[in-house]
Amino acid sequence: MAFLELDKLSKTFGSHLAVDGLTLGVEKGEFVSLLGPSGCGKTTTLQMIAGFVEPSGGSIRLEGRDLLAVKPARRGLGIVFQSYALFPHMTVAENVGFGLEMQGVAAPERIKRIGETLELVGLSAFAGRYPRQMSGGQQQRVALARALVIRPQILLLDEPLSNLDAKLREEMQIELRQIQRTVGTTTILVTHDQAEAMALSDRLVVMNHGRAEQIGPPHEAYERPATPFVASFLGRTNLVGGATVRPEKISFAAQGLAGKVRTRIFQGNHWLYQVETTDGLVTVIRQNTGEAMPAEGEAVHLAWGAA
C-alpha cells in the first residue's frame, strides 16, 4: 500500500471532465510532479487532495485512511501557492508561526520550531522583516517555511516558482530539492514547466485532458515517452523517418540524412539549428565546444544512433 493513494479519481464541472479516472500511488518521502499544459487537470487534482474541491468519483487515502472524510484544515497538509499568500501585516516569524498558533502549539515550542524552520530555508536573519521588505525569492522561502513548520504529512506545491525570474527560479529549484531531501517530506508539485519538473522530481505524472499519459522517472519519460503527447511536451523532439529523435541526439556527419541549414542560433552553451530535409524541418542541438559549426545555407548530413 502506497503512503498516498488516488484511486480512479475524477472531477467534472458541468459537462467538462477535468480529471478522468486518475490512479496514482505516492510513496513516503517521494517527490512527484503533476506536469502538463493549462487545463490538463493537474491543479484540480492537487485541490482535491487538499480538500478545496470535492471529487465527483474515486477515492483518496493517506496511510490507508479515507482522506475525503477529513476536513481540509485537519488533513495535515502543507500548501504553498503561486501567490505565496503571505500576511502583509505580519513579520516573517509571525507568518511562519501562524499555522502552529492555529494548532494551539505552546509558545516555547512554537518559537523553537519557527527558528529551526527559518534556519532550514536560510532566513534566520529575516525573522523581524515584513513581506514587503523582501525579494520574491525570499518571500517564496517564507511561504515554504510556513508550510513546513507544521511538519505536514504531505507538502503540496502549486506553481510555487512561476513568479520568479529565470535565474532565481533555477536557484530556487536547487534549494527546494535540497530542503525536501533534508526534511524528507512527501511532496507533490503542480507545474507546467518541463525543466522544473524533471529537475525536482523522483517521478512525473504527465497529464493531458484529465488523464495521466505517463507516470515514471523523469529520464524514463524523456528517453522513452509512452505517447506522442509526452514526447512533444517533454522538451523538443523530431519525427524523422517514423522515429522520434531528440534534437541533442542528432549530429552533423559525413553521411546520413541530407539537408540544408535554414537557421542557426547561438544560445551560449549550445547551438540551435533548423535543417531542411526530405523528412521535413529537423531541429538539431549541438553543444558549444568551440569548434567551427555549419553556417546558414550550408549543405549538411544528419546522423543519430538507434533509440
Protein backbone atom coordinates (compact mmCIF):
# COMPACT_ATOMS: atom_id res chain seq x y z
CA MET A 1 0.00 0.00 0.00
CA ALA A 2 1.35 3.41 -1.00
CA PHE A 3 1.57 6.27 1.51
CA LEU A 4 -0.90 8.34 -0.56
CA GLU A 5 -3.30 6.61 -2.94
CA LEU A 6 -5.51 8.20 -5.56
CA ASP A 7 -7.88 5.58 -6.97
CA LYS A 8 -9.88 6.35 -10.12
CA LEU A 9 -10.13 9.98 -9.05
CA SER A 10 -12.47 12.06 -11.22
CA LYS A 11 -13.88 15.56 -11.28
CA THR A 12 -16.49 17.08 -13.56
CA PHE A 13 -17.51 20.73 -13.75
CA GLY A 14 -20.86 20.68 -15.53
CA SER A 15 -20.22 18.91 -18.83
CA HIS A 16 -16.43 19.35 -18.57
CA LEU A 17 -14.42 16.34 -17.37
CA ALA A 18 -11.44 17.94 -15.63
CA VAL A 19 -9.89 14.79 -14.13
CA ASP A 20 -10.65 11.41 -15.69
CA GLY A 21 -10.09 8.35 -13.51
CA LEU A 22 -6.61 9.18 -12.21
CA THR A 23 -4.93 6.36 -10.28
CA LEU A 24 -1.64 7.14 -8.55
CA GLY A 25 0.34 5.85 -5.59
CA VAL A 26 2.88 8.13 -3.90
CA GLU A 27 5.46 6.64 -1.53
CA LYS A 28 6.52 8.25 1.76
CA GLY A 29 9.28 10.80 1.15
CA GLU A 30 8.77 10.82 -2.62
CA PHE A 31 8.76 13.97 -4.76
CA VAL A 32 6.12 13.67 -7.50
CA SER A 33 5.23 16.33 -10.08
CA LEU A 34 1.90 16.66 -11.85
CA LEU A 35 3.02 18.07 -15.18
CA GLY A 36 1.00 19.25 -18.15
CA PRO A 37 -0.44 22.21 -20.05
CA SER A 38 -3.14 24.55 -18.74
CA GLY A 39 -6.46 22.77 -18.35
CA CYS A 40 -4.98 19.26 -18.10
CA GLY A 41 -6.38 18.65 -14.59
CA LYS A 42 -3.22 18.92 -12.52
CA THR A 43 -4.33 21.82 -10.29
CA THR A 44 -7.79 20.29 -9.82
CA THR A 45 -6.09 17.07 -8.68
CA LEU A 46 -3.99 19.00 -6.14
CA GLN A 47 -7.08 20.84 -4.88
CA MET A 48 -8.92 17.54 -4.39
CA ILE A 49 -6.01 16.23 -2.29
CA ALA A 50 -6.03 19.48 -0.28
CA GLY A 51 -9.79 19.30 0.19
CA PHE A 52 -10.64 22.52 -1.63
CA VAL A 53 -12.50 20.65 -4.40
CA GLU A 54 -14.77 17.65 -3.83
CA PRO A 55 -14.19 14.73 -6.23
CA SER A 56 -17.00 13.53 -8.48
CA GLY A 57 -15.74 9.96 -8.17
CA GLY A 58 -12.92 7.82 -6.83
CA SER A 59 -11.07 7.88 -3.53
CA ILE A 60 -8.06 9.43 -1.80
CA ARG A 61 -6.38 7.51 1.01
CA LEU A 62 -3.49 8.60 3.23
CA GLU A 63 -1.79 5.79 5.14
CA GLY A 64 -4.90 3.72 4.48
CA ARG A 65 -7.43 6.18 5.90
CA ASP A 66 -10.10 7.92 3.84
CA LEU A 67 -8.82 11.47 3.36
CA LEU A 68 -12.12 12.63 1.85
CA ALA A 69 -13.77 12.12 5.26
CA VAL A 70 -11.32 14.58 6.85
CA LYS A 71 -11.87 18.35 6.77
CA PRO A 72 -9.19 20.31 4.84
CA ALA A 73 -7.81 22.00 7.95
CA ARG A 74 -7.31 18.62 9.65
CA ARG A 75 -5.62 16.78 6.77
CA GLY A 76 -2.14 17.70 8.00
CA LEU A 77 -1.03 19.10 4.65
CA GLY A 78 1.37 21.96 3.98
CA ILE A 79 0.47 24.09 0.96
CA VAL A 80 2.50 26.69 -0.97
CA PHE A 81 0.52 28.71 -3.50
CA GLN A 82 1.72 30.51 -6.62
CA SER A 83 0.99 33.88 -4.95
CA TYR A 84 2.71 32.84 -1.65
CA ALA A 85 -0.37 34.26 0.21
CA LEU A 86 1.71 35.83 2.99
CA PHE A 87 0.05 38.11 5.52
CA PRO A 88 1.44 41.60 4.79
CA HIS A 89 0.84 42.90 8.34
CA MET A 90 2.79 40.03 9.94
CA THR A 91 6.55 39.65 10.26
CA VAL A 92 8.32 36.66 8.74
CA ALA A 93 8.34 34.88 12.12
CA GLU A 94 4.63 35.59 12.63
CA ASN A 95 3.78 34.35 9.14
CA VAL A 96 5.75 31.14 9.68
CA GLY A 97 4.23 30.57 13.12
CA PHE A 98 0.62 31.20 12.09
CA GLY A 99 -0.20 27.54 11.45
CA LEU A 100 1.34 26.50 14.76
CA GLU A 101 -0.75 29.11 16.57
CA MET A 102 -3.90 27.76 14.89
CA GLN A 103 -2.91 24.28 16.10
CA GLY A 104 -2.58 25.56 19.67
CA VAL A 105 1.16 24.81 19.92
CA ALA A 106 2.58 26.36 23.10
CA ALA A 107 4.73 29.50 22.72
CA PRO A 108 8.11 27.96 23.70
CA GLU A 109 7.70 25.08 21.21
CA ARG A 110 6.38 27.50 18.60
CA ILE A 111 9.40 29.78 18.92
CA LYS A 112 11.77 26.79 18.73
CA ARG A 113 10.16 25.39 15.58
CA ILE A 114 9.96 28.78 13.86
CA GLY A 115 13.69 29.27 14.48
CA GLU A 116 14.58 25.80 13.21
CA THR A 117 12.49 26.19 10.05
CA LEU A 118 13.80 29.68 9.23
CA GLU A 119 17.33 28.29 9.56
CA LEU A 120 16.39 25.45 7.21
CA VAL A 121 15.33 27.92 4.47
CA GLY A 122 18.20 30.34 5.16
CA LEU A 123 16.13 33.18 6.60
CA SER A 124 17.16 33.27 10.27
CA ALA A 125 18.30 36.89 9.93
CA PHE A 126 14.96 37.98 8.43
CA ALA A 127 12.58 36.92 11.22
CA GLY A 128 11.56 40.50 12.05
CA ARG A 129 11.04 41.73 8.50
CA TYR A 130 7.74 42.14 6.69
CA PRO A 131 6.97 40.53 3.29
CA ARG A 132 7.10 43.92 1.50
CA GLN A 133 10.73 44.28 2.61
CA MET A 134 11.76 41.04 0.91
CA SER A 135 12.53 39.85 -2.61
CA GLY A 136 10.34 37.37 -4.48
CA GLY A 137 12.74 34.54 -3.75
CA GLN A 138 12.81 35.37 -0.05
CA GLN A 139 9.00 35.53 0.08
CA GLN A 140 8.87 32.13 -1.60
CA ARG A 141 11.11 30.71 1.14
CA VAL A 142 8.88 32.23 3.83
CA ALA A 143 5.85 30.53 2.25
CA LEU A 144 7.79 27.25 2.15
CA ALA A 145 8.83 27.63 5.80
CA ARG A 146 5.22 28.32 6.82
CA ALA A 147 4.16 25.10 5.09
CA LEU A 148 6.99 23.00 6.58
CA VAL A 149 6.86 24.28 10.17
CA ILE A 150 3.64 22.34 10.90
CA ARG A 151 5.52 19.15 9.94
CA PRO A 152 2.99 18.16 7.29
CA GLN A 153 2.50 14.60 6.15
CA ILE A 154 2.41 15.89 2.58
CA LEU A 155 3.67 19.15 1.08
CA LEU A 156 1.55 20.45 -1.83
CA LEU A 157 3.21 22.98 -4.16
CA ASP A 158 1.04 24.84 -6.69
CA GLU A 159 3.34 26.50 -9.28
CA PRO A 160 5.42 27.98 -6.41
CA LEU A 161 8.28 29.29 -8.58
CA SER A 162 6.31 30.72 -11.51
CA ASN A 163 6.57 34.35 -10.33
CA LEU A 164 10.37 34.30 -10.19
CA ASP A 165 12.76 35.35 -12.96
CA ALA A 166 14.64 32.63 -14.83
CA LYS A 167 17.93 32.80 -12.88
CA LEU A 168 16.28 32.94 -9.46
CA ARG A 169 13.86 30.19 -10.46
CA GLU A 170 16.77 27.89 -11.28
CA GLU A 171 18.46 28.68 -7.96
CA MET A 172 15.23 28.04 -6.07
CA GLN A 173 14.74 24.70 -7.84
CA ILE A 174 18.09 23.53 -6.44
CA GLU A 175 17.28 24.92 -3.00
CA LEU A 176 13.80 23.40 -2.92
CA ARG A 177 15.12 19.97 -3.82
CA GLN A 178 17.83 20.18 -1.14
CA ILE A 179 15.30 21.24 1.50
CA GLN A 180 12.92 18.44 0.51
CA ARG A 181 15.70 15.87 0.72
CA THR A 182 16.81 17.22 4.12
CA VAL A 183 13.31 17.16 5.61
CA GLY A 184 12.10 14.07 3.73
CA THR A 185 8.54 15.35 3.38
CA THR A 186 6.38 13.65 0.77
CA THR A 187 5.90 16.35 -1.87
CA ILE A 188 3.51 16.86 -4.79
CA LEU A 189 4.29 19.69 -7.20
CA VAL A 190 1.97 21.11 -9.85
CA THR A 191 3.81 22.74 -12.74
CA HIS A 192 3.63 23.32 -16.48
CA ASP A 193 7.42 23.76 -16.64
CA GLN A 194 9.03 20.59 -18.02
CA ALA A 195 12.58 21.52 -16.97
CA GLU A 196 11.43 22.29 -13.43
CA ALA A 197 9.54 19.00 -13.10
CA MET A 198 12.46 16.97 -14.45
CA ALA A 199 14.96 18.75 -12.19
CA LEU A 200 12.98 18.26 -8.98
CA SER A 201 11.05 15.02 -9.26
CA ASP A 202 11.54 11.38 -8.40
CA ARG A 203 8.58 10.68 -10.70
CA LEU A 204 6.48 12.62 -13.19
CA VAL A 205 2.77 12.31 -13.85
CA VAL A 206 2.40 13.76 -17.36
CA MET A 207 -1.23 14.81 -17.74
CA ASN A 208 -3.32 15.70 -20.78
CA HIS A 209 -7.08 16.25 -20.94
CA GLY A 210 -7.55 15.00 -17.39
CA ARG A 211 -5.68 11.72 -17.85
CA ALA A 212 -2.19 10.54 -16.92
CA GLU A 213 -0.42 9.75 -20.20
CA GLN A 214 2.71 8.53 -18.44
CA ILE A 215 3.87 8.01 -14.85
CA GLY A 216 7.54 7.34 -14.23
CA PRO A 217 11.03 8.72 -13.50
CA PRO A 218 11.91 11.89 -15.48
CA HIS A 219 14.70 10.27 -17.50
CA GLU A 220 12.43 7.38 -18.47
CA ALA A 221 9.60 9.66 -19.61
CA TYR A 222 12.07 11.76 -21.60
CA GLU A 223 14.02 8.92 -23.19
CA ARG A 224 11.09 6.52 -23.64
CA PRO A 225 7.89 8.59 -23.98
CA ALA A 226 4.76 6.45 -23.84
CA THR A 227 2.74 8.62 -26.21
CA PRO A 228 3.33 11.25 -28.92
CA PHE A 229 1.99 13.87 -26.50
CA VAL A 230 4.61 13.02 -23.85
CA ALA A 231 7.36 13.09 -26.49
CA SER A 232 6.34 16.53 -27.71
CA PHE A 233 5.61 18.01 -24.28
CA LEU A 234 8.86 16.94 -22.59
CA GLY A 235 11.29 19.12 -24.48
CA ARG A 236 11.82 19.35 -28.23
CA THR A 237 11.55 16.31 -30.45
CA ASN A 238 11.66 15.39 -34.14
CA LEU A 239 9.69 12.83 -36.10
CA VAL A 240 12.27 11.57 -38.59
CA GLY A 241 11.63 8.52 -40.75
CA GLY A 242 8.78 7.46 -38.46
CA ALA A 243 11.02 7.62 -35.34
CA THR A 244 11.01 10.17 -32.51
CA VAL A 245 14.52 11.64 -32.17
CA ARG A 246 15.58 14.27 -29.61
CA PRO A 247 17.48 17.25 -31.10
CA GLU A 248 20.53 16.70 -28.90
CA LYS A 249 20.87 13.10 -30.20
CA ILE A 250 21.39 14.30 -33.79
CA SER A 251 24.87 15.17 -35.03
CA PHE A 252 26.40 16.53 -38.22
CA ALA A 253 28.15 13.73 -40.10
CA ALA A 254 29.91 12.86 -43.35
CA GLN A 255 26.87 10.90 -44.46
CA GLY A 256 23.28 10.40 -43.38
CA LEU A 257 20.06 12.34 -43.93
CA ALA A 258 20.90 15.15 -46.36
CA GLY A 259 19.72 18.66 -45.58
CA LYS A 260 20.37 22.37 -45.71
CA VAL A 261 20.77 24.66 -42.69
CA ARG A 262 17.85 27.08 -42.63
CA THR A 263 18.50 28.67 -39.21
CA ARG A 264 21.43 28.74 -36.80
CA ILE A 265 21.03 30.37 -33.37
CA PHE A 266 23.79 30.71 -30.78
CA GLN A 267 22.48 30.12 -27.23
CA GLY A 268 25.66 30.28 -25.19
CA ASN A 269 26.36 26.70 -24.17
CA HIS A 270 24.82 25.26 -27.33
CA TRP A 271 23.82 25.92 -30.94
CA LEU A 272 20.21 25.53 -32.07
CA TYR A 273 19.73 24.52 -35.72
CA GLN A 274 16.78 24.05 -38.04
CA VAL A 275 17.68 21.91 -41.02
CA GLU A 276 15.51 21.43 -44.12
CA THR A 277 15.40 17.77 -45.19
CA THR A 278 13.24 15.48 -47.28
CA ASP A 279 11.65 14.37 -43.97
CA GLY A 280 10.72 17.96 -43.15
CA LEU A 281 12.28 20.52 -40.84
CA VAL A 282 14.60 18.90 -38.28
CA THR A 283 15.73 20.62 -35.08
CA VAL A 284 19.31 19.94 -34.00
CA ILE A 285 21.03 20.97 -30.76
CA ARG A 286 24.81 20.78 -30.60
CA GLN A 287 26.92 21.65 -27.56
CA ASN A 288 29.24 24.63 -27.95
CA THR A 289 32.68 23.04 -27.86
CA GLY A 290 34.40 25.95 -29.58
CA GLU A 291 34.82 24.14 -32.89
CA ALA A 292 33.55 25.52 -36.19
CA MET A 293 29.87 24.79 -36.85
CA PRO A 294 27.89 24.69 -40.13
CA ALA A 295 26.64 28.07 -41.33
CA GLU A 296 23.17 29.04 -42.56
CA GLY A 297 22.64 27.85 -46.13
CA GLU A 298 25.28 25.13 -45.82
CA ALA A 299 24.58 21.58 -47.03
CA VAL A 300 24.88 19.02 -44.23
CA HIS A 301 24.19 15.39 -43.37
CA LEU A 302 22.45 14.36 -40.13
CA ALA A 303 23.06 11.15 -38.21
CA TRP A 304 21.78 9.63 -34.95
CA GLY A 305 22.07 6.36 -33.12
CA ALA A 306 19.35 3.81 -32.50
CA ALA A 307 16.84 4.85 -29.84
